[in-house]
Amino acid sequence: MELKATIDSASKITAYEHDVWTGVHGARPGLQFYMDAGKGTAYLPMWHLNKPVKRYDIVDIPPKFGGGGERNANPIYDIPNTRVIKHLIPEMPLRVSALRTLGAHGNIFAMECFLDEIALDLNEDPAALRIRHLTDPRHKAVIEEVVKQSGWTGQKAVTVKAVDWHSAAIKTVQV
């Protein structure tokens, strides 16, 4: 993953770019038909028979089904000019596992760590930075409650601190 941001003179994030390189997450046997990947099989041993069965067409999980490696790469924060770029690596030497979240866990972790780095560069409290970039009252309330219950003192970001914030909006997919 590679993340970039533009910050204006008022310390507001005005642009965010998130590049993610990912293998195909829709390679489980049977799933290729669900995603209209054409004829063929995802059963790897069948590709290596004396009379091999054609491999399925390589496609990743489309956004209408929740997406693949780019899942949750769009931030919950209100940042104009947000751009997510998925670089699909169709042929991998080994099959990758979905780890039950596809790209969500890595994308959220990268984004939240990146916000910590921005807060550190701006010498700003990481919780305050997040709250400043939210308009959804539910997300603000979560961070405010964590601050309250944890006894967070509004400290500026420091390089050694065992407190971090991670949050994401669960993707609701309607088909």
C-alpha atoms as a PDB file:
ATOM      1  CA  MET A   1       0.000   0.000   0.000  1.00  0.00           C
ATOM      2  CA  GLU A   2       1.048   3.543  -0.648  1.00  0.00           C
ATOM      3  CA  LEU A   3      -0.795   6.491   0.845  1.00  0.00           C
ATOM      4  CA  LYS A   4      -0.470  10.183   0.057  1.00  0.00           C
ATOM      5  CA  ALA A   5      -2.212  13.272   1.393  1.00  0.00           C
ATOM      6  CA  THR A   6      -2.294  16.994   0.757  1.00  0.00           C
ATOM      7  CA  ILE A   7      -2.655  19.261   3.780  1.00  0.00           C
ATOM      8  CA  ASP A   8      -3.583  22.929   3.486  1.00  0.00           C
ATOM      9  CA  SER A   9      -2.329  25.884   5.555  1.00  0.00           C
ATOM     10  CA  ALA A  10      -5.162  25.333   8.082  1.00  0.00           C
ATOM     11  CA  SER A  11      -3.899  21.768   8.720  1.00  0.00           C
ATOM     12  CA  LYS A  12      -6.909  20.280   6.929  1.00  0.00           C
ATOM     13  CA  ILE A  13      -6.461  17.195   4.755  1.00  0.00           C
ATOM     14  CA  THR A  14      -7.665  18.290   1.320  1.00  0.00           C
ATOM     15  CA  ALA A  15      -6.688  15.251  -0.749  1.00  0.00           C
ATOM     16  CA  TYR A  16      -6.079  11.575  -0.032  1.00  0.00           C
ATOM     17  CA  GLU A  17      -4.769   8.875  -2.355  1.00  0.00           C
ATOM     18  CA  HIS A  18      -4.606   5.204  -1.439  1.00  0.00           C
ATOM     19  CA  ASP A  19      -2.894   2.724  -3.772  1.00  0.00           C
ATOM     20  CA  VAL A  20      -3.281  -0.959  -2.976  1.00  0.00           C
ATOM     21  CA  TRP A  21      -1.640  -3.886  -4.774  1.00  0.00           C
ATOM     22  CA  THR A  22      -3.635  -7.068  -4.402  1.00  0.00           C
ATOM     23  CA  GLY A  23      -4.066 -10.538  -5.734  1.00  0.00           C
ATOM     24  CA  VAL A  24      -7.418 -11.936  -6.830  1.00  0.00           C
ATOM     25  CA  HIS A  25      -9.739 -12.590  -3.895  1.00  0.00           C
ATOM     26  CA  GLY A  26     -12.463 -14.324  -5.887  1.00  0.00           C
ATOM     27  CA  ALA A  27     -10.533 -17.532  -6.603  1.00  0.00           C
ATOM     28  CA  ARG A  28     -12.376 -19.854  -4.237  1.00  0.00           C
ATOM     29  CA  PRO A  29     -13.885 -22.803  -6.097  1.00  0.00           C
ATOM     30  CA  GLY A  30     -17.449 -22.013  -7.114  1.00  0.00           C
ATOM     31  CA  LEU A  31     -17.137 -18.277  -6.571  1.00  0.00           C
ATOM     32  CA  GLN A  32     -16.065 -17.599 -10.158  1.00  0.00           C
ATOM     33  CA  PHE A  33     -19.549 -18.566 -11.405  1.00  0.00           C
ATOM     34  CA  TYR A  34     -21.199 -16.254  -8.881  1.00  0.00           C
ATOM     35  CA  MET A  35     -19.085 -13.403 -10.248  1.00  0.00           C
ATOM     36  CA  ASP A  36     -19.727 -14.295 -13.905  1.00  0.00           C
ATOM     37  CA  ALA A  37     -16.097 -15.186 -14.539  1.00  0.00           C
ATOM     38  CA  GLY A  38     -16.926 -17.408 -17.457  1.00  0.00           C
ATOM     39  CA  LYS A  39     -16.427 -21.109 -17.959  1.00  0.00           C
ATOM     40  CA  GLY A  40     -13.612 -22.992 -16.339  1.00  0.00           C
ATOM     41  CA  THR A  41     -12.653 -24.088 -12.872  1.00  0.00           C
ATOM     42  CA  ALA A  42     -10.935 -22.648  -9.842  1.00  0.00           C
ATOM     43  CA  TYR A  43      -9.892 -26.133  -8.701  1.00  0.00           C
ATOM     44  CA  LEU A  44      -6.133 -25.843  -9.087  1.00  0.00           C
ATOM     45  CA  PRO A  45      -5.375 -29.593  -9.452  1.00  0.00           C
ATOM     46  CA  MET A  46      -7.695 -29.783 -12.450  1.00  0.00           C
ATOM     47  CA  TRP A  47      -5.474 -27.346 -14.344  1.00  0.00           C
ATOM     48  CA  HIS A  48      -2.638 -29.909 -14.194  1.00  0.00           C
ATOM     49  CA  LEU A  49      -4.397 -33.091 -15.346  1.00  0.00           C
ATOM     50  CA  ASN A  50      -3.281 -34.925 -18.493  1.00  0.00           C
ATOM     51  CA  LYS A  51      -6.374 -33.396 -20.073  1.00  0.00           C
ATOM     52  CA  PRO A  52      -6.482 -30.139 -18.111  1.00  0.00           C
ATOM     53  CA  VAL A  53      -9.712 -28.295 -17.408  1.00  0.00           C
ATOM     54  CA  LYS A  54      -9.568 -24.661 -18.464  1.00  0.00           C
ATOM     55  CA  ARG A  55      -8.814 -22.181 -15.728  1.00  0.00           C
ATOM     56  CA  TYR A  56     -11.613 -19.725 -14.960  1.00  0.00           C
ATOM     57  CA  ASP A  57     -11.345 -16.169 -16.266  1.00  0.00           C
ATOM     58  CA  ILE A  58      -9.451 -14.024 -13.769  1.00  0.00           C
ATOM     59  CA  VAL A  59     -11.710 -11.444 -12.147  1.00  0.00           C
ATOM     60  CA  ASP A  60     -11.742  -9.931  -8.690  1.00  0.00           C
ATOM     61  CA  ILE A  61     -14.772  -9.414  -6.479  1.00  0.00           C
ATOM     62  CA  PRO A  62     -16.623  -6.430  -7.950  1.00  0.00           C
ATOM     63  CA  PRO A  63     -17.582  -3.432  -5.789  1.00  0.00           C
ATOM     64  CA  LYS A  64     -21.292  -4.359  -5.997  1.00  0.00           C
ATOM     65  CA  PHE A  65     -20.406  -7.467  -3.948  1.00  0.00           C
ATOM     66  CA  GLY A  66     -18.182  -5.558  -1.497  1.00  0.00           C
ATOM     67  CA  GLY A  67     -14.954  -5.384  -3.480  1.00  0.00           C
ATOM     68  CA  GLY A  68     -11.699  -7.239  -3.081  1.00  0.00           C
ATOM     69  CA  GLY A  69      -8.345  -5.877  -1.974  1.00  0.00           C
ATOM     70  CA  GLU A  70      -9.610  -2.292  -2.110  1.00  0.00           C
ATOM     71  CA  ARG A  71     -12.347  -2.939   0.480  1.00  0.00           C
ATOM     72  CA  ASN A  72     -12.543  -0.186   3.110  1.00  0.00           C
ATOM     73  CA  ALA A  73      -9.791   1.852   1.428  1.00  0.00           C
ATOM     74  CA  ASN A  74     -12.184   4.803   1.152  1.00  0.00           C
ATOM     75  CA  PRO A  75     -11.833   6.649   4.453  1.00  0.00           C
ATOM     76  CA  ILE A  76     -14.741   7.344   6.791  1.00  0.00           C
ATOM     77  CA  TYR A  77     -13.265  10.823   7.179  1.00  0.00           C
ATOM     78  CA  ASP A  78     -14.577  13.777   5.197  1.00  0.00           C
ATOM     79  CA  ILE A  79     -11.693  14.403   2.858  1.00  0.00           C
ATOM     80  CA  PRO A  80     -12.357  15.940  -0.537  1.00  0.00           C
ATOM     81  CA  ASN A  81     -10.476  14.582  -3.526  1.00  0.00           C
ATOM     82  CA  THR A  82     -10.251  11.019  -2.229  1.00  0.00           C
ATOM     83  CA  ARG A  83      -8.906   8.511  -4.707  1.00  0.00           C
ATOM     84  CA  VAL A  84      -8.439   4.751  -4.308  1.00  0.00           C
ATOM     85  CA  ILE A  85      -6.443   2.890  -6.928  1.00  0.00           C
ATOM     86  CA  LYS A  86      -6.472  -0.899  -7.002  1.00  0.00           C
ATOM     87  CA  HIS A  87      -3.547  -2.532  -8.782  1.00  0.00           C
ATOM     88  CA  LEU A  88      -4.760  -6.085  -9.448  1.00  0.00           C
ATOM     89  CA  ILE A  89      -2.061  -8.728  -9.641  1.00  0.00           C
ATOM     90  CA  PRO A  90      -3.908 -11.499 -11.501  1.00  0.00           C
ATOM     91  CA  GLU A  91      -1.159 -14.125 -11.433  1.00  0.00           C
ATOM     92  CA  MET A  92       0.402 -14.822  -8.051  1.00  0.00           C
ATOM     93  CA  PRO A  93       2.814 -17.693  -7.317  1.00  0.00           C
ATOM     94  CA  LEU A  94       0.530 -18.754  -4.446  1.00  0.00           C
ATOM     95  CA  ARG A  95      -3.143 -18.227  -3.826  1.00  0.00           C
ATOM     96  CA  VAL A  96      -3.851 -15.522  -1.302  1.00  0.00           C
ATOM     97  CA  SER A  97      -6.307 -15.976   1.501  1.00  0.00           C
ATOM     98  CA  ALA A  98      -9.106 -13.542   2.167  1.00  0.00           C
ATOM     99  CA  LEU A  99      -8.327 -13.592   5.932  1.00  0.00           C
ATOM    100  CA  ARG A 100     -12.076 -13.082   6.336  1.00  0.00           C
ATOM    101  CA  THR A 101     -11.820  -9.384   5.472  1.00  0.00           C
ATOM    102  CA  LEU A 102     -10.228  -9.207   2.035  1.00  0.00           C
ATOM    103  CA  GLY A 103      -8.453  -5.841   1.982  1.00  0.00           C
ATOM    104  CA  ALA A 104     -10.344  -4.241   4.859  1.00  0.00           C
ATOM    105  CA  HIS A 105      -7.974  -4.958   7.745  1.00  0.00           C
ATOM    106  CA  GLY A 106      -4.841  -3.840   5.919  1.00  0.00           C
ATOM    107  CA  ASN A 107      -6.431  -0.768   4.356  1.00  0.00           C
ATOM    108  CA  ILE A 108      -7.902   0.470   7.629  1.00  0.00           C
ATOM    109  CA  PHE A 109      -4.686  -0.190   9.537  1.00  0.00           C
ATOM    110  CA  ALA A 110      -2.646   1.661   6.897  1.00  0.00           C
ATOM    111  CA  MET A 111      -5.076   4.606   6.822  1.00  0.00           C
ATOM    112  CA  GLU A 112      -5.236   4.989  10.600  1.00  0.00           C
ATOM    113  CA  CYS A 113      -1.448   4.715  10.986  1.00  0.00           C
ATOM    114  CA  PHE A 114      -1.101   7.301   8.226  1.00  0.00           C
ATOM    115  CA  LEU A 115      -3.396   9.645  10.177  1.00  0.00           C
ATOM    116  CA  ASP A 116      -1.170   9.132  13.230  1.00  0.00           C
ATOM    117  CA  GLU A 117       1.839  10.138  11.127  1.00  0.00           C
ATOM    118  CA  ILE A 118       0.005  13.231   9.881  1.00  0.00           C
ATOM    119  CA  ALA A 119      -0.923  14.172  13.463  1.00  0.00           C
ATOM    120  CA  LEU A 120       2.697  13.734  14.503  1.00  0.00           C
ATOM    121  CA  ASP A 121       3.903  15.928  11.616  1.00  0.00           C
ATOM    122  CA  LEU A 122       1.320  18.586  12.533  1.00  0.00           C
ATOM    123  CA  ASN A 123       2.088  18.241  16.275  1.00  0.00           C
ATOM    124  CA  GLU A 124      -1.631  17.666  16.839  1.00  0.00           C
ATOM    125  CA  ASP A 125      -3.613  15.350  19.079  1.00  0.00           C
ATOM    126  CA  PRO A 126      -4.469  12.301  16.906  1.00  0.00           C
ATOM    127  CA  ALA A 127      -8.026  12.123  18.292  1.00  0.00           C
ATOM    128  CA  ALA A 128      -8.621  15.812  17.566  1.00  0.00           C
ATOM    129  CA  LEU A 129      -7.296  15.392  14.026  1.00  0.00           C
ATOM    130  CA  ARG A 130      -9.762  12.582  13.398  1.00  0.00           C
ATOM    131  CA  ILE A 131     -12.712  14.444  14.931  1.00  0.00           C
ATOM    132  CA  ARG A 132     -11.897  17.527  12.822  1.00  0.00           C
ATOM    133  CA  HIS A 133     -12.209  15.417   9.691  1.00  0.00           C
ATOM    134  CA  LEU A 134     -15.571  13.846  10.577  1.00  0.00           C
ATOM    135  CA  THR A 135     -19.089  15.124  10.072  1.00  0.00           C
ATOM    136  CA  ASP A 136     -20.988  11.910  10.821  1.00  0.00           C
ATOM    137  CA  PRO A 137     -22.086  12.323  14.449  1.00  0.00           C
ATOM    138  CA  ARG A 138     -21.930   8.558  15.061  1.00  0.00           C
ATOM    139  CA  HIS A 139     -18.252   8.357  14.152  1.00  0.00           C
ATOM    140  CA  LYS A 140     -17.472  11.452  16.201  1.00  0.00           C
ATOM    141  CA  ALA A 141     -19.346   9.990  19.174  1.00  0.00           C
ATOM    142  CA  VAL A 142     -17.291   6.789  19.033  1.00  0.00           C
ATOM    143  CA  ILE A 143     -13.986   8.660  19.159  1.00  0.00           C
ATOM    144  CA  GLU A 144     -15.244  11.042  21.844  1.00  0.00           C
ATOM    145  CA  GLU A 145     -16.404   8.100  23.981  1.00  0.00           C
ATOM    146  CA  VAL A 146     -13.057   6.312  23.574  1.00  0.00           C
ATOM    147  CA  VAL A 147     -11.288   9.521  24.609  1.00  0.00           C
ATOM    148  CA  LYS A 148     -13.563   9.833  27.649  1.00  0.00           C
ATOM    149  CA  GLN A 149     -13.370   6.205  28.793  1.00  0.00           C
ATOM    150  CA  SER A 150      -9.635   5.879  28.210  1.00  0.00           C
ATOM    151  CA  GLY A 151      -8.749   9.021  30.114  1.00  0.00           C
ATOM    152  CA  TRP A 152      -7.023  10.447  27.052  1.00  0.00           C
ATOM    153  CA  THR A 153      -5.647  13.845  27.993  1.00  0.00           C
ATOM    154  CA  GLY A 154      -5.527  15.436  24.577  1.00  0.00           C
ATOM    155  CA  GLN A 155      -1.799  14.948  24.279  1.00  0.00           C
ATOM    156  CA  LYS A 156      -0.032  15.795  21.085  1.00  0.00           C
ATOM    157  CA  ALA A 157       1.090  12.834  19.049  1.00  0.00           C
ATOM    158  CA  VAL A 158       4.246  11.218  20.355  1.00  0.00           C
ATOM    159  CA  THR A 159       6.432   8.554  18.824  1.00  0.00           C
ATOM    160  CA  VAL A 160       6.033   6.134  21.746  1.00  0.00           C
ATOM    161  CA  LYS A 161       2.413   5.677  22.723  1.00  0.00           C
ATOM    162  CA  ALA A 162       0.430   2.465  23.083  1.00  0.00           C
ATOM    163  CA  VAL A 163      -2.914   4.046  22.215  1.00  0.00           C
ATOM    164  CA  ASP A 164      -4.250   4.046  18.693  1.00  0.00           C
ATOM    165  CA  TRP A 165      -7.606   4.590  17.021  1.00  0.00           C
ATOM    166  CA  HIS A 166      -8.993   2.283  14.395  1.00  0.00           C
ATOM    167  CA  SER A 167     -12.460   2.545  13.017  1.00  0.00           C
ATOM    168  CA  ALA A 168     -14.292   1.692   9.861  1.00  0.00           C
ATOM    169  CA  ALA A 169     -17.730   1.805   8.422  1.00  0.00           C
ATOM    170  CA  ILE A 170     -18.995  -1.689   7.770  1.00  0.00           C
ATOM    171  CA  LYS A 171     -19.871  -2.038   4.124  1.00  0.00           C
ATOM    172  CA  THR A 172     -23.546  -2.718   3.544  1.00  0.00           C
ATOM    173  CA  VAL A 173     -24.034  -4.195   0.115  1.00  0.00           C
ATOM    174  CA  GLN A 174     -27.428  -4.294  -1.519  1.00  0.00           C
ATOM    175  CA  VAL A 175     -27.801  -6.325  -4.684  1.00  0.00           C
END
